């Protein structure tokens, strides 16, 4: 049984930093392309945040995340991280990690930035940015 378990979300003030973790079990982690998505308050669907290729060598970010967020993958720990700096109130959302073995990263951004390309999802972790 494949499981993705996120942690690290909390209430923080604007400008703060957080690191989200997502531990994966039940599947060969080193073969997975991983993504982070988020769902803001009152929003339908999940918004793309960042993705990382299965080797961990290639990454991509949504425009709003570039320069503030960093995605990394530790294959030895079966964990993907999202380091988030300079958090803003508009970053308030439930953050989800997702995994796929379908080669989405190799096929290009229209694929790995789409929630529909991911087969496995975590339960989400809430981040609230407020003063």
Foldseek 3Di string as FASTA:
>chain_A
DKAWAKDWADEEAAQAKTKMKIAIDDDQQLLKKKFKWWAAPPGPDTFGAKIAHSNQPDIDGDPVQPPFWDWGADSVRNMIMIIGGRDDQVVWTWMKMFIANPCQVVVHDVRVRDPVNTDDMHPTHTHGYHD
